[in-house]
């Protein structure tokens, strides 16, 4: 199954995906994101929230396996987002 979602929060340990169709807690997923899907990581859903549960619907995923190249790409994405937010303020 393919789920399209927006990254709401990203760290080296995992991410929050905003989606109206979150997977159940414990579900496994292969994530691909970044420029040209530069990051591929295996992750596990640690929590999920549907509309009306006090916050945007989505799910929190914890990375289980991420190679060093993907970790570096994640770090670049995080740094780019920080720079973009500072410039916007």
N, C-alpha and C. Protein backbone atom coordinates (compact mmCIF):
# COMPACT_ATOMS: atom_id res chain seq x y z
N UNK A 1 0.84 -1.17 0.00
CA UNK A 1 0.00 0.00 0.00
C UNK A 1 0.89 1.24 0.00
N UNK A 2 0.53 2.20 -0.78
CA UNK A 2 1.24 3.47 -0.81
C UNK A 2 0.38 4.52 -0.13
N UNK A 3 0.98 5.25 0.81
CA UNK A 3 0.29 6.33 1.52
C UNK A 3 1.07 7.61 1.22
N UNK A 4 0.37 8.60 0.73
CA UNK A 4 1.00 9.90 0.50
C UNK A 4 0.70 10.77 1.71
N UNK A 5 1.74 11.40 2.24
CA UNK A 5 1.59 12.19 3.45
C UNK A 5 2.58 13.34 3.44
N UNK A 6 2.37 14.25 4.36
CA UNK A 6 3.27 15.39 4.53
C UNK A 6 4.06 15.21 5.79
N UNK A 7 5.36 15.47 5.72
CA UNK A 7 6.17 15.39 6.93
C UNK A 7 5.88 16.61 7.78
N UNK A 8 5.43 16.36 9.00
CA UNK A 8 5.12 17.45 9.93
C UNK A 8 6.27 17.75 10.88
N UNK A 9 7.14 16.77 11.09
CA UNK A 9 8.26 16.91 12.00
C UNK A 9 9.26 15.82 11.65
N UNK A 10 10.53 16.15 11.62
CA UNK A 10 11.56 15.18 11.23
C UNK A 10 12.74 15.29 12.17
N UNK A 11 13.24 14.15 12.61
CA UNK A 11 14.47 14.10 13.40
C UNK A 11 15.28 12.90 12.91
N UNK A 12 16.46 12.73 13.45
CA UNK A 12 17.27 11.58 13.06
C UNK A 12 16.67 10.27 13.55
N UNK A 13 15.77 10.34 14.53
CA UNK A 13 15.18 9.13 15.09
C UNK A 13 13.85 8.73 14.48
N UNK A 14 13.20 9.66 13.78
CA UNK A 14 11.90 9.35 13.21
C UNK A 14 11.21 10.59 12.69
N UNK A 15 9.91 10.45 12.47
CA UNK A 15 9.16 11.59 11.94
C UNK A 15 7.66 11.47 12.24
N UNK A 16 6.99 12.61 12.09
CA UNK A 16 5.53 12.66 12.17
C UNK A 16 5.02 12.87 10.76
N UNK A 17 4.12 12.02 10.32
CA UNK A 17 3.51 12.17 9.00
C UNK A 17 2.07 12.63 9.18
N UNK A 18 1.75 13.77 8.59
CA UNK A 18 0.37 14.25 8.57
C UNK A 18 -0.36 13.52 7.45
N UNK A 19 -1.38 12.76 7.81
CA UNK A 19 -2.17 12.03 6.84
C UNK A 19 -3.54 11.73 7.42
N UNK A 20 -4.54 11.72 6.58
CA UNK A 20 -5.89 11.38 7.04
C UNK A 20 -6.08 9.87 7.12
N UNK A 21 -5.07 9.10 6.70
CA UNK A 21 -5.17 7.64 6.73
C UNK A 21 -3.97 7.03 7.47
N UNK A 22 -3.85 7.32 8.79
CA UNK A 22 -2.70 6.77 9.52
C UNK A 22 -2.79 5.25 9.65
N UNK A 23 -1.63 4.62 9.68
CA UNK A 23 -1.56 3.18 9.91
C UNK A 23 -1.71 2.89 11.39
N UNK A 24 -2.00 1.65 11.73
CA UNK A 24 -2.15 1.26 13.13
C UNK A 24 -0.80 1.19 13.82
N UNK A 25 -0.81 1.41 15.13
CA UNK A 25 0.39 1.30 15.95
C UNK A 25 1.01 -0.08 15.75
N UNK A 26 2.32 -0.11 15.58
CA UNK A 26 3.03 -1.36 15.38
C UNK A 26 3.24 -1.72 13.91
N UNK A 27 2.53 -1.05 13.01
CA UNK A 27 2.69 -1.32 11.58
C UNK A 27 4.10 -0.96 11.14
N UNK A 28 4.60 -1.71 10.19
CA UNK A 28 5.93 -1.44 9.61
C UNK A 28 5.76 -0.71 8.30
N UNK A 29 6.72 0.12 7.96
CA UNK A 29 6.64 0.89 6.72
C UNK A 29 8.04 1.11 6.15
N UNK A 30 8.09 1.25 4.85
CA UNK A 30 9.31 1.68 4.17
C UNK A 30 9.03 3.10 3.70
N UNK A 31 9.84 4.03 4.16
CA UNK A 31 9.64 5.44 3.83
C UNK A 31 10.64 5.88 2.78
N UNK A 32 10.17 6.66 1.84
CA UNK A 32 11.03 7.27 0.83
C UNK A 32 10.67 8.75 0.77
N UNK A 33 11.67 9.60 0.99
CA UNK A 33 11.40 11.04 0.96
C UNK A 33 12.68 11.79 0.66
N UNK A 34 12.52 13.08 0.46
CA UNK A 34 13.65 13.94 0.11
C UNK A 34 13.74 14.10 -1.39
N UNK A 35 14.70 14.87 -1.83
CA UNK A 35 14.90 15.10 -3.26
C UNK A 35 15.16 13.78 -3.95
N UNK A 36 14.35 13.48 -4.94
CA UNK A 36 14.47 12.23 -5.69
C UNK A 36 14.46 11.01 -4.77
N UNK A 37 13.67 11.07 -3.68
CA UNK A 37 13.58 9.97 -2.71
C UNK A 37 14.96 9.55 -2.22
N UNK A 38 15.79 10.53 -1.87
CA UNK A 38 17.17 10.28 -1.44
C UNK A 38 17.23 9.45 -0.16
N UNK A 39 16.19 9.52 0.65
CA UNK A 39 16.17 8.78 1.91
C UNK A 39 15.21 7.61 1.78
N UNK A 40 15.72 6.43 2.11
CA UNK A 40 14.86 5.26 2.24
C UNK A 40 15.15 4.68 3.62
N UNK A 41 14.11 4.52 4.41
CA UNK A 41 14.28 4.02 5.77
C UNK A 41 13.13 3.09 6.14
N UNK A 42 13.45 2.08 6.92
CA UNK A 42 12.43 1.19 7.47
C UNK A 42 12.03 1.77 8.82
N UNK A 43 10.73 1.81 9.06
CA UNK A 43 10.23 2.44 10.28
C UNK A 43 9.05 1.66 10.83
N UNK A 44 8.71 1.98 12.08
CA UNK A 44 7.58 1.36 12.78
C UNK A 44 6.69 2.47 13.33
N UNK A 45 5.38 2.30 13.19
CA UNK A 45 4.42 3.28 13.72
C UNK A 45 4.38 3.12 15.25
N UNK A 46 4.70 4.19 15.96
CA UNK A 46 4.69 4.14 17.43
C UNK A 46 3.43 4.79 18.00
N UNK A 47 2.76 5.63 17.22
CA UNK A 47 1.46 6.17 17.62
C UNK A 47 0.75 6.72 16.39
N UNK A 48 -0.58 6.79 16.50
CA UNK A 48 -1.36 7.38 15.40
C UNK A 48 -2.52 8.16 15.98
N UNK A 49 -3.00 9.12 15.19
CA UNK A 49 -4.08 10.01 15.64
C UNK A 49 -4.99 10.28 14.46
N UNK A 50 -6.29 10.15 14.69
CA UNK A 50 -7.26 10.47 13.64
C UNK A 50 -7.86 11.84 13.91
N UNK A 51 -8.58 12.37 12.92
CA UNK A 51 -9.22 13.68 13.03
C UNK A 51 -10.06 13.74 14.31
N UNK A 52 -9.96 14.85 15.04
CA UNK A 52 -10.76 15.05 16.24
C UNK A 52 -10.12 14.55 17.52
N UNK A 53 -8.89 14.08 17.47
CA UNK A 53 -8.22 13.58 18.67
C UNK A 53 -7.22 14.58 19.25
N UNK A 54 -7.42 15.84 18.98
CA UNK A 54 -6.56 16.86 19.57
C UNK A 54 -5.24 17.05 18.86
N UNK A 55 -5.30 17.45 17.64
CA UNK A 55 -4.10 17.70 16.85
C UNK A 55 -4.35 17.20 15.44
N UNK A 56 -3.43 17.51 14.57
CA UNK A 56 -3.64 17.06 13.18
C UNK A 56 -3.58 15.53 13.09
N UNK A 57 -4.37 14.95 12.20
CA UNK A 57 -4.32 13.50 12.04
C UNK A 57 -2.99 13.08 11.44
N UNK A 58 -2.53 11.92 11.83
CA UNK A 58 -1.27 11.42 11.30
C UNK A 58 -0.71 10.33 12.17
N UNK A 59 0.59 10.11 12.03
CA UNK A 59 1.24 9.04 12.79
C UNK A 59 2.70 9.38 13.04
N UNK A 60 3.18 8.91 14.18
CA UNK A 60 4.59 9.04 14.54
C UNK A 60 5.30 7.74 14.21
N UNK A 61 6.37 7.83 13.46
CA UNK A 61 7.14 6.65 13.08
C UNK A 61 8.56 6.75 13.61
N UNK A 62 9.07 5.63 14.08
CA UNK A 62 10.45 5.55 14.56
C UNK A 62 11.26 4.78 13.52
N UNK A 63 12.39 5.36 13.12
CA UNK A 63 13.25 4.67 12.16
C UNK A 63 13.83 3.42 12.82
N UNK A 64 13.81 2.32 12.09
CA UNK A 64 14.43 1.09 12.58
C UNK A 64 15.77 0.83 11.91
N UNK A 65 15.83 1.04 10.61
CA UNK A 65 17.10 0.89 9.90
C UNK A 65 17.26 2.06 8.94
N UNK A 66 18.38 2.74 9.09
CA UNK A 66 18.73 3.86 8.23
C UNK A 66 20.23 3.78 7.99
N UNK A 67 20.65 3.69 6.74
CA UNK A 67 22.09 3.62 6.49
C UNK A 67 22.71 5.02 6.64
N UNK A 68 24.02 5.07 6.67
CA UNK A 68 24.72 6.33 6.93
C UNK A 68 24.45 7.39 5.85
N UNK A 69 24.31 6.97 4.61
CA UNK A 69 24.00 7.91 3.53
C UNK A 69 22.64 8.56 3.76
N UNK A 70 21.65 7.75 4.17
CA UNK A 70 20.31 8.28 4.45
C UNK A 70 20.34 9.20 5.67
N UNK A 71 21.12 8.84 6.70
CA UNK A 71 21.22 9.70 7.89
C UNK A 71 21.77 11.07 7.51
N UNK A 72 22.77 11.08 6.65
CA UNK A 72 23.35 12.36 6.22
C UNK A 72 22.32 13.17 5.43
N UNK A 73 21.54 12.51 4.59
CA UNK A 73 20.48 13.21 3.84
C UNK A 73 19.44 13.78 4.80
N UNK A 74 19.09 13.04 5.84
CA UNK A 74 18.13 13.53 6.84
C UNK A 74 18.70 14.78 7.52
N UNK A 75 19.96 14.72 7.90
CA UNK A 75 20.60 15.89 8.54
C UNK A 75 20.55 17.11 7.62
N UNK A 76 20.80 16.91 6.33
CA UNK A 76 20.74 18.04 5.37
C UNK A 76 19.32 18.60 5.27
N UNK A 77 18.31 17.73 5.24
CA UNK A 77 16.92 18.19 5.17
C UNK A 77 16.59 19.01 6.41
N UNK A 78 16.97 18.51 7.58
CA UNK A 78 16.70 19.22 8.84
C UNK A 78 17.38 20.59 8.82
N UNK A 79 18.64 20.64 8.42
CA UNK A 79 19.38 21.90 8.38
C UNK A 79 18.75 22.88 7.40
N UNK A 80 18.33 22.40 6.24
CA UNK A 80 17.67 23.25 5.25
C UNK A 80 16.38 23.83 5.81
N UNK A 81 15.61 23.01 6.51
CA UNK A 81 14.35 23.49 7.11
C UNK A 81 14.63 24.55 8.17
N UNK A 82 15.63 24.33 9.00
CA UNK A 82 15.98 25.32 10.03
C UNK A 82 16.35 26.65 9.37
N UNK A 83 17.18 26.59 8.34
CA UNK A 83 17.62 27.80 7.64
C UNK A 83 16.44 28.52 7.01
N UNK A 84 15.54 27.77 6.40
CA UNK A 84 14.36 28.35 5.75
C UNK A 84 13.47 29.05 6.78
N UNK A 85 13.27 28.44 7.94
CA UNK A 85 12.42 29.03 8.98
C UNK A 85 13.03 30.30 9.55
N UNK A 86 14.35 30.30 9.76
CA UNK A 86 15.01 31.49 10.28
C UNK A 86 14.91 32.62 9.26
N UNK A 87 15.12 32.33 7.99
CA UNK A 87 15.05 33.35 6.95
C UNK A 87 13.64 33.93 6.82
N UNK A 88 12.61 33.11 7.08
CA UNK A 88 11.22 33.57 6.97
C UNK A 88 10.84 34.50 8.12
N UNK A 89 11.54 34.40 9.23
CA UNK A 89 11.22 35.25 10.39
C UNK A 89 11.99 36.50 10.28
